[in-house]
C-alpha cells in the first residue's frame, strides 16, 4: 500500500498579477526563519589535509567503531557548498553549525560503561579550548571567509554555546597535557581500550594536578543533588560551578598548552580571544562567557543555540546574552564593508530545554532567549491534523511577541520523523508558523550509518551527508517550499484562521495566504469572502494563474497535496 507522499503531486500557489510589480527583498525576522542545522564534520570535506590532528585516530577498522571519529568535514567544504548556492536554493535564512571551538583531543567511552566505540568531540559538544578553532575544521581565516560569504548571501550564522561543562578529560589529553599519570604513551592513549572505565578514571580527580580544580567544577567528594539539575552532573560530565562568584585562575593545563603551542598555532587562534588567555579577577563563568562572546566580536556571529539550559542559572544566560549583544554591535561598527553591519536584529538565543514545547517561558525570555527548541512538532507527515497544530503555533506567536516556536523533524539527538514520508513531513514543517529547522540530510534522504547497531544508536543520526546518493525529488520539494516560505513571510509569521480540517488562511498587513491540503481533484478552490471575484491569483508552487469567479478559482486537475494561494495587495 502506497503512502500519501508517494502520490505527491505538484503544489498550487497563486498571486495577483500586476503589470509593473514592485520587487523587494523579504524582510528577515527570527520569528519565521528557516534554519539549516548541520554537523560541520559530517557535512562536506573540502580539505583532506586537515583530516587528522592532535594524535587522534580516525579509522578503527569498521563503520561501527568509527561512528564517533572525525570524518573530515570542514569549513572549506561548507564554503564550497555555500558558494554553489546550496543554502540559497533551500530558502535558508540561518545556517546553524555545531561548535567550532577546539575539542578534546582524545576519546570518551562510546556508551558510558559499555564502551563499545571511541567517542571523539567531532560534533563540537566537548570543548577543550574556547579560544581557537579545532584544526579538523580549519583555520581562523577559513572560518572568516565562510561566515562572510554566508552574510553576503543574506544568511545569518548560529553556533552552539554551553555554559554547563567543559569536555570530558580523556586519556590522550591527560598524556599530552600532563594533569594525571596514565602509564600510557600517546599512541596507546589514542587506541581504543575497551576495558577502560571513564567512571574509574574520573573518580580520581582529587589527585589530578593542573586540571580544573574544585573552584571551577564540582568534585566527587561534594554533595551533588541529582534531583536538582543546577546542582548535578549530566552524563558524568564535569559540571562548572556556574553559581560561583569566586575569583579563579585559568587552569594550569590550558596555560601549559598555550605555552607549548606558542605562535605556531596563530592560524587557529581567535584574535579576539588572545587577550583572554591571561588571569583576571573573574569567576569561572566570566571566563567562559568572555571566551564564547569573543567569537561574536571577531566574526559577527548572529546567534547561539544554548545547550541544556535548565542546568545553568538564569543569570548566567542573561550575562551571555548581554555580552553577545555588546560584541555584535562592536563587530557591526568595525565592519561597515559587510552587508551584515546594517542588520538591526539583536543577538539571537534559542536553547535545548528537555521536553520543551512551544510554551512561553517568561524567565528565559527575560534572560535573552527568543525560543526553546520544540521537541513536540508532529513527525509523521500527517496532513489530516496539521492545520490544528499550525493554529496553536500561530496563536502562540500572536500571544507572545518576541517568542516563537522553533520546530524540527530530526536533529542530532532525535531521528523521529517518518523517513518514508518525508515529502509530507517537509510540507508540515515548512508551512508551519514560527522557526522551521531542517537537519542536514532531511532534504536529501540521508540514511543511518551502521552506528545504529551500537548501544548508543544516536550516533547513526549523524552519518555523513549523502552528496552522491541524494533523493532529488525530495530535495526539489524542500527547495520549492523553502523558497516560497522565504519569499512570502506571511506563511511563517501571519495570523492564522482555520477554515476546516484541511484549509487555513494566514494574514498580516498587506499579505494573505490560503493553504489548502488535499484540494479538489478538479482543481477547484472555494475562496468566498477571502478573494473577491475578478482577482487574478497565482498558485505559488506551480506558478499557475487563474481568476476568481463566483467565489471560486479553478486551476484544473493535477494539484498537489498542498495549495497555497496569495494575493498581491
Protein backbone atom coordinates (compact mmCIF):
# COMPACT_ATOMS: atom_id res chain seq x y z
CA UNK A 1 0.00 0.00 0.00
CA UNK A 2 1.43 3.37 -1.02
CA UNK A 3 1.93 6.16 1.46
CA UNK A 4 0.41 9.55 0.75
CA UNK A 5 3.84 11.03 -0.04
CA UNK A 6 4.29 8.60 -2.94
CA UNK A 7 1.26 10.06 -4.71
CA UNK A 8 2.55 13.60 -4.17
CA UNK A 9 1.64 15.99 -6.99
CA UNK A 10 2.95 19.44 -7.80
CA UNK A 11 1.52 22.08 -5.45
CA UNK A 12 -0.65 25.04 -6.37
CA UNK A 13 0.34 28.61 -5.43
CA UNK A 14 -1.47 31.79 -6.53
CA UNK A 15 -0.86 35.55 -6.57
CA UNK A 16 -2.47 38.57 -8.18
CA UNK A 17 -0.54 39.59 -11.29
CA UNK A 18 0.38 43.27 -11.63
CA UNK A 19 1.57 44.89 -14.85
CA UNK A 20 4.54 46.51 -13.05
CA UNK A 21 5.08 44.58 -9.82
CA UNK A 22 7.38 46.09 -7.22
CA UNK A 23 10.22 43.74 -6.40
CA UNK A 24 11.67 43.85 -2.90
CA UNK A 25 13.62 41.52 -0.66
CA UNK A 26 11.54 39.87 2.08
CA UNK A 27 12.18 41.37 5.49
CA UNK A 28 14.03 38.96 7.76
CA UNK A 29 12.51 38.04 11.11
CA UNK A 30 13.81 35.43 13.53
CA UNK A 31 10.14 34.71 14.29
CA UNK A 32 9.77 32.91 10.96
CA UNK A 33 13.31 31.93 10.00
CA UNK A 34 14.23 28.77 8.12
CA UNK A 35 17.27 27.33 9.91
CA UNK A 36 19.62 24.72 8.44
CA UNK A 37 21.36 22.74 11.21
CA UNK A 38 24.49 20.82 10.26
CA UNK A 39 27.37 18.99 11.91
CA UNK A 40 30.45 20.51 10.31
CA UNK A 41 32.49 17.30 10.50
CA UNK A 42 29.78 15.32 8.67
CA UNK A 43 28.70 17.82 6.00
CA UNK A 44 31.41 18.24 3.37
CA UNK A 45 35.16 17.56 3.26
CA UNK A 46 36.81 20.38 1.35
CA UNK A 47 40.38 19.78 2.52
CA UNK A 48 41.60 16.25 3.24
CA UNK A 49 44.94 17.56 4.52
CA UNK A 50 43.33 18.59 7.84
CA UNK A 51 41.52 15.31 8.50
CA UNK A 52 43.86 14.08 11.26
CA UNK A 53 45.20 16.20 14.12
CA UNK A 54 46.29 16.10 17.77
CA UNK A 55 47.19 12.40 17.60
CA UNK A 56 43.58 11.36 17.02
CA UNK A 57 42.83 8.12 15.22
CA UNK A 58 40.14 8.35 12.54
CA UNK A 59 39.89 4.71 11.45
CA UNK A 60 39.47 1.90 13.98
CA UNK A 61 38.56 -0.66 11.34
CA UNK A 62 34.77 -0.60 10.94
CA UNK A 63 31.90 1.80 10.48
CA UNK A 64 30.55 0.91 13.91
CA UNK A 65 33.88 1.68 15.61
CA UNK A 66 34.24 4.83 13.50
CA UNK A 67 30.77 6.05 14.49
CA UNK A 68 32.22 8.94 16.51
CA UNK A 69 35.63 9.59 14.97
CA UNK A 70 36.32 12.71 12.92
CA UNK A 71 35.18 12.11 9.32
CA UNK A 72 36.74 15.12 7.60
CA UNK A 73 34.01 17.74 7.17
CA UNK A 74 35.42 21.25 7.43
CA UNK A 75 34.98 24.98 6.78
CA UNK A 76 36.29 24.66 3.22
CA UNK A 77 33.67 22.06 2.41
CA UNK A 78 30.94 24.25 3.87
CA UNK A 79 32.24 27.26 1.97
CA UNK A 80 32.19 25.34 -1.30
CA UNK A 81 28.54 24.39 -0.80
CA UNK A 82 27.65 27.96 0.18
CA UNK A 83 29.31 29.33 -2.98
CA UNK A 84 27.42 26.77 -5.05
CA UNK A 85 24.21 28.28 -3.64
CA UNK A 86 23.12 25.18 -1.74
CA UNK A 87 21.63 27.11 1.18
CA UNK A 88 20.13 29.82 -1.03
CA UNK A 89 18.41 27.16 -3.13
CA UNK A 90 16.77 25.84 0.04
CA UNK A 91 15.48 29.28 1.00
CA UNK A 92 17.57 29.14 4.18
CA UNK A 93 17.78 32.26 6.38
CA UNK A 94 20.16 30.85 9.02
CA UNK A 95 22.96 28.27 8.99
CA UNK A 96 23.45 26.73 12.41
CA UNK A 97 26.70 24.81 12.58
CA UNK A 98 27.97 22.87 15.57
CA UNK A 99 30.56 24.48 17.83
CA UNK A 100 33.84 25.34 16.10
CA UNK A 101 35.97 25.53 19.26
CA UNK A 102 38.93 23.17 19.68
CA UNK A 103 37.61 19.88 21.03
CA UNK A 104 39.12 17.38 23.45
CA UNK A 105 41.90 15.52 21.67
CA UNK A 106 41.08 12.03 22.90
CA UNK A 107 38.06 9.78 23.01
CA UNK A 108 35.42 9.15 25.62
CA UNK A 109 33.92 5.67 26.08
CA UNK A 110 31.24 5.31 23.44
CA UNK A 111 28.26 4.27 25.53
CA UNK A 112 29.37 5.02 29.04
CA UNK A 113 30.06 1.79 30.90
CA UNK A 114 29.65 -0.33 27.75
CA UNK A 115 32.47 1.44 25.85
CA UNK A 116 31.71 -0.26 22.52
CA UNK A 117 33.31 2.50 20.39
CA UNK A 118 35.64 5.51 20.89
CA UNK A 119 33.68 8.76 21.06
CA UNK A 120 35.51 11.92 19.97
CA UNK A 121 34.23 15.50 20.04
CA UNK A 122 33.62 15.65 16.27
CA UNK A 123 30.19 17.20 16.97
CA UNK A 124 31.56 20.20 18.85
CA UNK A 125 29.93 19.39 22.19
CA UNK A 126 33.22 18.58 24.02
CA UNK A 127 35.22 21.85 24.12
CA UNK A 128 38.82 21.79 25.31
CA UNK A 129 39.91 25.30 24.32
CA UNK A 130 37.35 28.03 23.63
CA UNK A 131 39.99 30.39 22.23
CA UNK A 132 40.76 28.66 18.95
CA UNK A 133 39.19 26.59 16.20
CA UNK A 134 39.66 22.85 16.06
CA UNK A 135 42.26 22.06 13.40
CA UNK A 136 39.99 19.40 11.94
CA UNK A 137 37.53 22.13 10.97
CA UNK A 138 40.02 24.64 9.59
CA UNK A 139 41.78 27.92 10.24
CA UNK A 140 40.52 31.24 11.51
CA UNK A 141 40.70 32.79 8.04
CA UNK A 142 38.81 29.87 6.51
CA UNK A 143 36.09 30.34 9.09
CA UNK A 144 36.05 34.08 8.48
CA UNK A 145 35.59 33.58 4.72
CA UNK A 146 32.76 31.13 5.40
CA UNK A 147 30.88 33.50 7.72
CA UNK A 148 31.47 36.49 5.42
CA UNK A 149 30.20 34.51 2.43
CA UNK A 150 27.02 33.49 4.22
CA UNK A 151 26.47 37.05 5.43
CA UNK A 152 26.91 38.34 1.87
CA UNK A 153 24.14 35.93 0.84
CA UNK A 154 21.84 37.39 3.50
CA UNK A 155 22.21 34.30 5.68
CA UNK A 156 22.77 34.60 9.42
CA UNK A 157 25.13 32.26 11.29
CA UNK A 158 24.46 30.42 14.54
CA UNK A 159 26.91 28.44 16.67
CA UNK A 160 26.46 26.46 19.86
CA UNK A 161 27.10 27.71 23.38
CA UNK A 162 27.41 25.60 26.50
CA UNK A 163 27.95 27.07 29.96
CA UNK A 164 27.34 23.83 31.84
CA UNK A 165 30.55 21.89 31.37
CA UNK A 166 33.86 21.58 29.55
CA UNK A 167 34.59 18.47 27.52
CA UNK A 168 35.41 15.17 29.18
CA UNK A 169 39.00 14.65 30.32
CA UNK A 170 40.44 11.77 28.27
CA UNK A 171 43.49 9.52 28.33
CA UNK A 172 45.06 11.26 25.34
CA UNK A 173 44.51 14.72 26.84
CA UNK A 174 45.96 13.51 30.14
CA UNK A 175 49.11 12.29 28.38
CA UNK A 176 49.51 15.42 26.27
CA UNK A 177 48.65 17.95 28.97
CA UNK A 178 50.15 16.09 31.92
CA UNK A 179 47.44 16.53 34.54
CA UNK A 180 47.46 12.88 35.64
CA UNK A 181 49.80 9.92 35.15
CA UNK A 182 48.28 7.22 32.93
CA UNK A 183 51.24 4.92 32.23
CA UNK A 184 50.50 5.24 28.51
CA UNK A 185 52.18 6.95 25.58
CA UNK A 186 50.21 8.98 23.03
CA UNK A 187 49.69 6.09 20.59
CA UNK A 188 48.43 3.84 23.37
CA UNK A 189 46.13 6.53 24.73
CA UNK A 190 44.60 7.09 21.29
CA UNK A 191 43.94 3.38 20.81
CA UNK A 192 40.51 2.13 21.83
CA UNK A 193 40.83 0.34 25.17
CA UNK A 194 37.53 -1.47 25.67
CA UNK A 195 38.32 -2.31 29.29
CA UNK A 196 38.92 1.33 30.23
CA UNK A 197 36.37 2.82 32.63
CA UNK A 198 35.77 6.54 32.47
CA UNK A 199 34.00 6.44 35.83
CA UNK A 200 37.05 4.90 37.49
CA UNK A 201 39.37 7.34 35.75
CA UNK A 202 37.26 10.37 36.64
CA UNK A 203 36.85 9.29 40.25
CA UNK A 204 40.50 10.16 40.81
CA UNK A 205 40.10 13.86 40.02
CA UNK A 206 41.04 14.89 43.56
CA UNK A 207 44.62 13.79 42.84
CA UNK A 208 44.93 15.41 39.43
CA UNK A 209 47.41 18.27 39.11
CA UNK A 210 46.67 21.29 36.95
CA UNK A 211 43.26 20.36 35.53
CA UNK A 212 40.11 22.28 36.57
CA UNK A 213 40.08 22.43 40.37
CA UNK A 214 37.14 22.47 42.80
CA UNK A 215 36.73 26.24 42.42
CA UNK A 216 35.85 25.59 38.75
CA UNK A 217 33.91 22.33 38.86
CA UNK A 218 32.13 20.02 41.30
CA UNK A 219 34.32 17.29 42.72
CA UNK A 220 33.47 13.65 43.57
CA UNK A 221 33.51 14.34 47.32
CA UNK A 222 30.93 17.14 47.07
CA UNK A 223 27.24 16.57 47.73
CA UNK A 224 25.55 16.61 44.34
CA UNK A 225 21.78 16.71 44.28
CA UNK A 226 20.76 14.59 41.31
CA UNK A 227 17.14 15.78 41.61
CA UNK A 228 18.20 19.40 41.08
CA UNK A 229 19.75 20.00 37.65
CA UNK A 230 21.54 23.13 38.86
CA UNK A 231 23.50 21.05 41.37
CA UNK A 232 24.13 17.86 39.41
CA UNK A 233 26.35 16.46 36.70
CA UNK A 234 25.00 15.46 33.29
CA UNK A 235 26.11 12.14 31.76
CA UNK A 236 29.10 12.20 34.10
CA UNK A 237 30.46 15.37 32.51
CA UNK A 238 32.44 17.84 34.61
CA UNK A 239 29.99 20.42 35.94
CA UNK A 240 31.07 24.07 36.04
CA UNK A 241 30.15 25.84 39.28
CA UNK A 242 28.21 28.49 37.41
CA UNK A 243 26.69 29.72 40.68
CA UNK A 244 30.12 30.71 41.99
CA UNK A 245 31.36 34.31 42.05
CA UNK A 246 34.72 33.28 43.50
CA UNK A 247 37.71 34.62 41.59
CA UNK A 248 39.73 31.86 39.92
CA UNK A 249 42.84 31.46 37.82
CA UNK A 250 42.88 29.88 34.40
CA UNK A 251 43.70 26.15 34.86
CA UNK A 252 47.38 25.26 34.52
CA UNK A 253 46.74 22.70 31.78
CA UNK A 254 45.45 25.44 29.46
CA UNK A 255 48.41 27.71 30.22
CA UNK A 256 50.79 24.81 29.62
CA UNK A 257 49.03 24.05 26.34
CA UNK A 258 49.27 27.67 25.15
CA UNK A 259 52.97 27.94 26.09
CA UNK A 260 53.75 24.71 24.26
CA UNK A 261 51.91 25.84 21.13
CA UNK A 262 53.49 29.30 21.14
CA UNK A 263 52.98 31.23 17.91
CA UNK A 264 52.82 28.04 15.83
CA UNK A 265 49.06 27.93 16.34
CA UNK A 266 48.31 31.51 15.29
CA UNK A 267 46.36 30.33 12.24
CA UNK A 268 43.77 28.76 14.55
CA UNK A 269 43.69 31.28 17.43
CA UNK A 270 40.74 33.65 17.55
CA UNK A 271 42.36 37.14 17.59
CA UNK A 272 39.60 38.49 19.83
CA UNK A 273 40.30 35.75 22.37
CA UNK A 274 44.07 36.06 22.58
CA UNK A 275 43.94 38.71 25.31
CA UNK A 276 41.54 36.48 27.25
CA UNK A 277 44.26 33.90 27.90
CA UNK A 278 45.63 35.65 30.98
CA UNK A 279 44.37 35.56 34.56
CA UNK A 280 41.73 38.10 35.53
CA UNK A 281 39.77 38.76 38.71
CA UNK A 282 36.97 36.67 37.25
CA UNK A 283 34.68 33.85 38.26
CA UNK A 284 34.59 30.65 36.15
CA UNK A 285 31.55 31.87 34.21
CA UNK A 286 33.12 35.23 33.45
CA UNK A 287 35.99 33.46 31.67
CA UNK A 288 33.73 31.10 29.75
CA UNK A 289 31.26 33.84 28.75
CA UNK A 290 34.10 36.12 27.59
CA UNK A 291 35.68 33.29 25.56
CA UNK A 292 32.38 32.45 23.85
CA UNK A 293 31.40 36.09 23.20
CA UNK A 294 34.80 36.70 21.57
CA UNK A 295 33.58 34.70 18.54
CA UNK A 296 30.73 37.15 18.11
CA UNK A 297 33.12 40.09 18.35
CA UNK A 298 35.56 38.62 15.83
CA UNK A 299 33.19 37.19 13.21
CA UNK A 300 29.76 38.77 13.73
CA UNK A 301 28.10 35.52 14.74
CA UNK A 302 24.36 36.22 14.85
CA UNK A 303 23.06 33.73 17.39
CA UNK A 304 23.63 30.75 19.64
CA UNK A 305 21.77 27.56 20.32
CA UNK A 306 22.44 27.05 24.01
CA UNK A 307 22.84 23.55 25.38
CA UNK A 308 20.95 22.08 28.37
CA UNK A 309 19.75 25.48 29.51
CA UNK A 310 17.93 24.21 32.60
CA UNK A 311 21.27 23.07 34.07
CA UNK A 312 22.62 26.63 34.19
CA UNK A 313 21.48 29.51 36.39
CA UNK A 314 19.40 32.07 34.50
CA UNK A 315 21.60 35.00 35.44
CA UNK A 316 24.49 33.38 33.55
CA UNK A 317 22.45 33.06 30.35
CA UNK A 318 21.45 36.70 30.72
CA UNK A 319 25.09 37.69 31.14
CA UNK A 320 25.98 35.72 28.00
CA UNK A 321 23.19 37.41 26.05
CA UNK A 322 24.27 40.87 27.19
CA UNK A 323 27.92 40.16 26.35
CA UNK A 324 27.00 38.87 22.90
CA UNK A 325 24.82 41.88 22.10
CA UNK A 326 27.70 44.20 23.01
CA UNK A 327 30.08 42.08 20.93
CA UNK A 328 27.76 42.02 17.91
CA UNK A 329 27.30 45.78 17.94
CA UNK A 330 31.08 46.15 18.14
CA UNK A 331 31.56 43.85 15.15
CA UNK A 332 28.93 45.71 13.10
CA UNK A 333 30.58 49.03 13.91
CA UNK A 334 34.02 47.69 12.96
CA UNK A 335 32.91 46.11 9.66
CA UNK A 336 30.95 48.68 7.63
CA UNK A 337 32.01 46.90 4.45
CA UNK A 338 29.82 43.90 5.32
CA UNK A 339 26.12 43.92 4.42
CA UNK A 340 25.55 42.29 7.81
CA UNK A 341 26.71 45.51 9.51
CA UNK A 342 23.36 47.06 8.55
CA UNK A 343 21.27 44.38 10.21
CA UNK A 344 19.33 45.68 13.19
CA UNK A 345 18.15 42.49 14.90
CA UNK A 346 19.57 41.74 18.32
CA UNK A 347 21.71 38.72 19.07
CA UNK A 348 19.54 35.61 18.97
CA UNK A 349 19.41 32.80 21.51
CA UNK A 350 17.45 29.58 21.50
CA UNK A 351 18.06 26.57 23.70
CA UNK A 352 17.52 22.92 24.45
CA UNK A 353 15.29 22.63 27.48
CA UNK A 354 14.42 18.95 27.94
CA UNK A 355 10.94 18.18 26.57
CA UNK A 356 10.14 21.83 25.87
CA UNK A 357 7.24 22.59 23.57
CA UNK A 358 6.06 25.99 22.31
CA UNK A 359 5.07 27.24 25.77
CA UNK A 360 6.22 30.72 26.67
CA UNK A 361 8.94 30.78 29.35
CA UNK A 362 8.99 34.36 30.68
CA UNK A 363 12.03 33.83 32.89
CA UNK A 364 14.05 32.63 29.90
CA UNK A 365 12.70 35.41 27.71
CA UNK A 366 13.97 37.84 30.34
CA UNK A 367 17.37 36.14 30.15
CA UNK A 368 17.57 36.86 26.41
CA UNK A 369 16.04 33.76 24.82
CA UNK A 370 13.53 34.05 21.98
CA UNK A 371 12.53 30.38 21.90
CA UNK A 372 13.19 26.90 23.14
CA UNK A 373 13.67 24.07 20.66
CA UNK A 374 10.26 22.44 20.24
CA UNK A 375 10.54 18.69 20.86
CA UNK A 376 6.89 18.01 20.05
CA UNK A 377 6.36 19.09 16.47
CA UNK A 378 4.47 16.20 14.73
CA UNK A 379 6.92 13.93 12.92
CA UNK A 380 4.66 11.67 10.83
CA UNK A 381 3.69 14.00 8.00
CA UNK A 382 0.00 13.73 8.89
CA UNK A 383 -1.77 16.22 6.64
CA UNK A 384 -5.14 15.44 8.23
CA UNK A 385 -4.34 17.07 11.59
CA UNK A 386 -1.55 19.56 10.96
CA UNK A 387 -3.84 22.57 10.41
CA UNK A 388 -4.82 22.49 14.09
CA UNK A 389 -1.17 22.28 15.16
CA UNK A 390 -0.40 25.26 12.95
CA UNK A 391 -3.28 27.13 14.58
CA UNK A 392 -1.76 26.61 18.04
CA UNK A 393 1.61 27.84 16.81
CA UNK A 394 0.12 30.91 15.18
CA UNK A 395 -1.84 31.71 18.34
CA UNK A 396 1.35 31.38 20.38
CA UNK A 397 3.18 33.80 18.09
CA UNK A 398 0.38 36.34 18.42
CA UNK A 399 0.10 35.98 22.19
CA UNK A 400 3.83 36.26 22.96
CA UNK A 401 5.61 38.87 20.81
CA UNK A 402 9.33 38.15 20.65
CA UNK A 403 8.80 34.46 21.50
CA UNK A 404 8.09 31.80 18.89
CA UNK A 405 8.01 28.06 18.15
CA UNK A 406 11.34 26.56 16.99
CA UNK A 407 10.32 23.28 15.34
CA UNK A 408 12.22 20.41 13.75
CA UNK A 409 11.69 16.97 12.23
CA UNK A 410 15.08 15.49 13.17
CA UNK A 411 18.16 16.74 14.98
CA UNK A 412 21.45 15.37 16.30
CA UNK A 413 19.78 13.51 19.20
CA UNK A 414 16.40 12.59 17.71
CA UNK A 415 15.58 10.74 14.48
CA UNK A 416 11.83 10.86 14.96
CA UNK A 417 10.46 11.74 11.53
CA UNK A 418 8.87 9.15 9.25
CA UNK A 419 11.70 8.82 6.73
CA UNK A 420 9.37 7.02 4.32
CA UNK A 421 7.06 10.03 4.27
CA UNK A 422 9.45 12.97 4.20
CA UNK A 423 7.54 14.71 1.40
CA UNK A 424 4.58 15.28 3.67
CA UNK A 425 6.83 15.85 6.69
CA UNK A 426 8.51 18.67 4.78
CA UNK A 427 5.12 20.13 3.91
CA UNK A 428 4.01 20.18 7.54
CA UNK A 429 7.28 21.76 8.71
CA UNK A 430 7.95 24.37 6.02
CA UNK A 431 4.39 25.69 6.08
CA UNK A 432 4.36 25.90 9.88
CA UNK A 433 4.28 29.21 11.78
CA UNK A 434 7.48 30.07 13.65
CA UNK A 435 11.00 28.84 13.01
CA UNK A 436 11.45 25.73 10.86
CA UNK A 437 14.73 23.85 11.42
CA UNK A 438 16.00 21.48 8.72
CA UNK A 439 18.57 18.93 9.91
CA UNK A 440 21.24 18.25 7.30
CA UNK A 441 20.20 15.40 5.04
CA UNK A 442 16.50 15.55 5.88
CA UNK A 443 16.12 17.15 2.47
CA UNK A 444 18.17 14.51 0.62
CA UNK A 445 17.11 11.21 2.20
CA UNK A 446 20.36 10.72 4.16
CA UNK A 447 20.47 7.19 5.58
CA UNK A 448 21.52 5.95 9.02
CA UNK A 449 25.02 4.56 9.43
CA UNK A 450 25.94 1.18 10.94
CA UNK A 451 26.25 3.00 14.26
CA UNK A 452 22.57 2.13 14.66
CA UNK A 453 23.78 -1.26 15.90
CA UNK A 454 25.82 0.30 18.72
CA UNK A 455 24.43 0.72 22.22
CA UNK A 456 24.44 4.48 21.61
CA UNK A 457 22.46 4.31 18.38
CA UNK A 458 22.10 8.12 18.31
CA UNK A 459 25.45 8.26 16.52
CA UNK A 460 23.72 6.80 13.46
CA UNK A 461 21.70 10.03 13.14
CA UNK A 462 24.98 11.82 12.39
CA UNK A 463 26.07 9.92 9.29
CA UNK A 464 27.98 11.67 6.51
CA UNK A 465 25.98 13.88 4.16
CA UNK A 466 24.88 11.82 1.15
CA UNK A 467 26.11 14.03 -1.67
CA UNK A 468 26.46 11.06 -4.05
CA UNK A 469 23.12 9.44 -3.20
CA UNK A 470 20.58 12.25 -2.93
CA UNK A 471 16.84 11.89 -3.33
CA UNK A 472 16.45 14.57 -5.99
CA UNK A 473 12.67 14.66 -5.86
CA UNK A 474 12.70 15.19 -2.11
CA UNK A 475 15.39 17.86 -2.41
CA UNK A 476 13.37 19.68 -5.07
CA UNK A 477 10.32 19.68 -2.78
CA UNK A 478 12.31 21.14 0.13
CA UNK A 479 13.81 23.76 -2.20
CA UNK A 480 10.47 24.76 -3.65
CA UNK A 481 8.71 25.09 -0.30
CA UNK A 482 11.75 26.74 1.30
CA UNK A 483 11.85 29.47 -1.34
CA UNK A 484 8.10 30.02 -1.14
CA UNK A 485 8.37 30.34 2.63
CA UNK A 486 11.22 32.83 2.35
CA UNK A 487 9.56 34.95 -0.34
CA UNK A 488 6.23 35.04 1.50
CA UNK A 489 6.91 35.77 5.20
CA UNK A 490 3.19 35.69 5.95
CA UNK A 491 3.44 31.88 5.80
CA UNK A 492 5.67 31.78 8.87
CA UNK A 493 4.50 34.83 10.80
CA UNK A 494 0.94 35.59 9.66
CA UNK A 495 -2.08 35.20 11.93
CA UNK A 496 -3.95 32.00 11.09
CA UNK A 497 -7.66 31.41 10.75
CA UNK A 498 -8.57 27.73 10.43
CA UNK A 499 -11.39 27.25 7.93
CA UNK A 500 -11.71 23.46 8.06
CA UNK A 501 -9.61 20.36 8.70
CA UNK A 502 -7.55 20.94 5.56
CA UNK A 503 -7.74 24.69 4.98
CA UNK A 504 -6.34 27.74 6.72
CA UNK A 505 -5.80 31.40 6.00
CA UNK A 506 -2.67 33.34 7.06
CA UNK A 507 -2.81 37.12 7.12
CA UNK A 508 -0.70 40.10 8.05
CA UNK A 509 -0.72 43.68 6.82
CA UNK A 510 -0.55 43.65 3.04
CA UNK A 511 -0.33 39.86 2.71
CA UNK A 512 -2.77 37.00 2.55
CA UNK A 513 -2.13 33.28 2.01
CA UNK A 514 -4.58 30.42 1.77
CA UNK A 515 -3.27 26.91 2.41
CA UNK A 516 -5.44 24.07 1.25
CA UNK A 517 -4.45 20.43 1.86
CA UNK A 518 -5.92 17.74 -0.39
CA UNK A 519 -7.51 20.15 -2.87
CA UNK A 520 -10.40 19.16 -5.09
CA UNK A 521 -9.19 16.75 -7.80
CA UNK A 522 -10.82 19.02 -10.38
CA UNK A 523 -8.52 21.84 -9.31
CA UNK A 524 -11.30 23.93 -7.83
CA UNK A 525 -10.70 26.00 -4.69
CA UNK A 526 -13.55 27.81 -2.93
CA UNK A 527 -12.49 31.29 -1.77
CA UNK A 528 -15.73 33.18 -0.89
CA UNK A 529 -15.10 36.10 1.44
CA UNK A 530 -11.32 35.66 1.05
CA UNK A 531 -10.59 36.78 -2.51
CA UNK A 532 -13.02 38.90 -4.49
CA UNK A 533 -14.36 37.97 -7.91
CA UNK A 534 -12.16 39.15 -10.76
CA UNK A 535 -8.96 38.87 -8.74
CA UNK A 536 -6.06 37.17 -10.55
CA UNK A 537 -4.44 34.65 -8.21
CA UNK A 538 -1.25 32.68 -8.54
CA UNK A 539 -0.60 29.22 -7.16
CA UNK A 540 2.92 29.56 -5.82
CA UNK A 541 4.22 26.00 -6.15
CA UNK A 542 3.36 25.55 -9.83
CA UNK A 543 3.10 29.18 -10.91
CA UNK A 544 -0.36 28.56 -12.33
CA UNK A 545 -2.70 31.57 -12.57
CA UNK A 546 -6.47 31.82 -12.53
CA UNK A 547 -9.19 34.41 -11.94
CA UNK A 548 -11.72 34.22 -9.13
CA UNK A 549 -15.25 33.71 -10.44
CA UNK A 550 -18.37 33.17 -8.33
CA UNK A 551 -16.30 32.78 -5.16
CA UNK A 552 -14.06 30.06 -6.54
CA UNK A 553 -10.89 29.69 -8.53
CA UNK A 554 -10.24 26.74 -10.88
CA UNK A 555 -6.72 25.64 -11.74
CA UNK A 556 -7.62 22.32 -13.28
CA UNK A 557 -6.62 18.81 -12.23
CA UNK A 558 -3.16 17.80 -11.10
CA UNK A 559 -2.78 19.79 -7.90
CA UNK A 560 -0.54 18.56 -5.12
CA UNK A 561 -1.42 17.75 -1.54
CA UNK A 562 -0.89 21.44 -0.79
CA UNK A 563 -2.44 24.55 -2.30
CA UNK A 564 -1.00 27.88 -1.19
CA UNK A 565 -2.90 30.89 -2.51
CA UNK A 566 -1.88 34.52 -2.03
CA UNK A 567 -2.93 37.95 -3.25
CA UNK A 568 -0.53 40.74 -4.10
CA UNK A 569 -2.05 43.70 -2.26
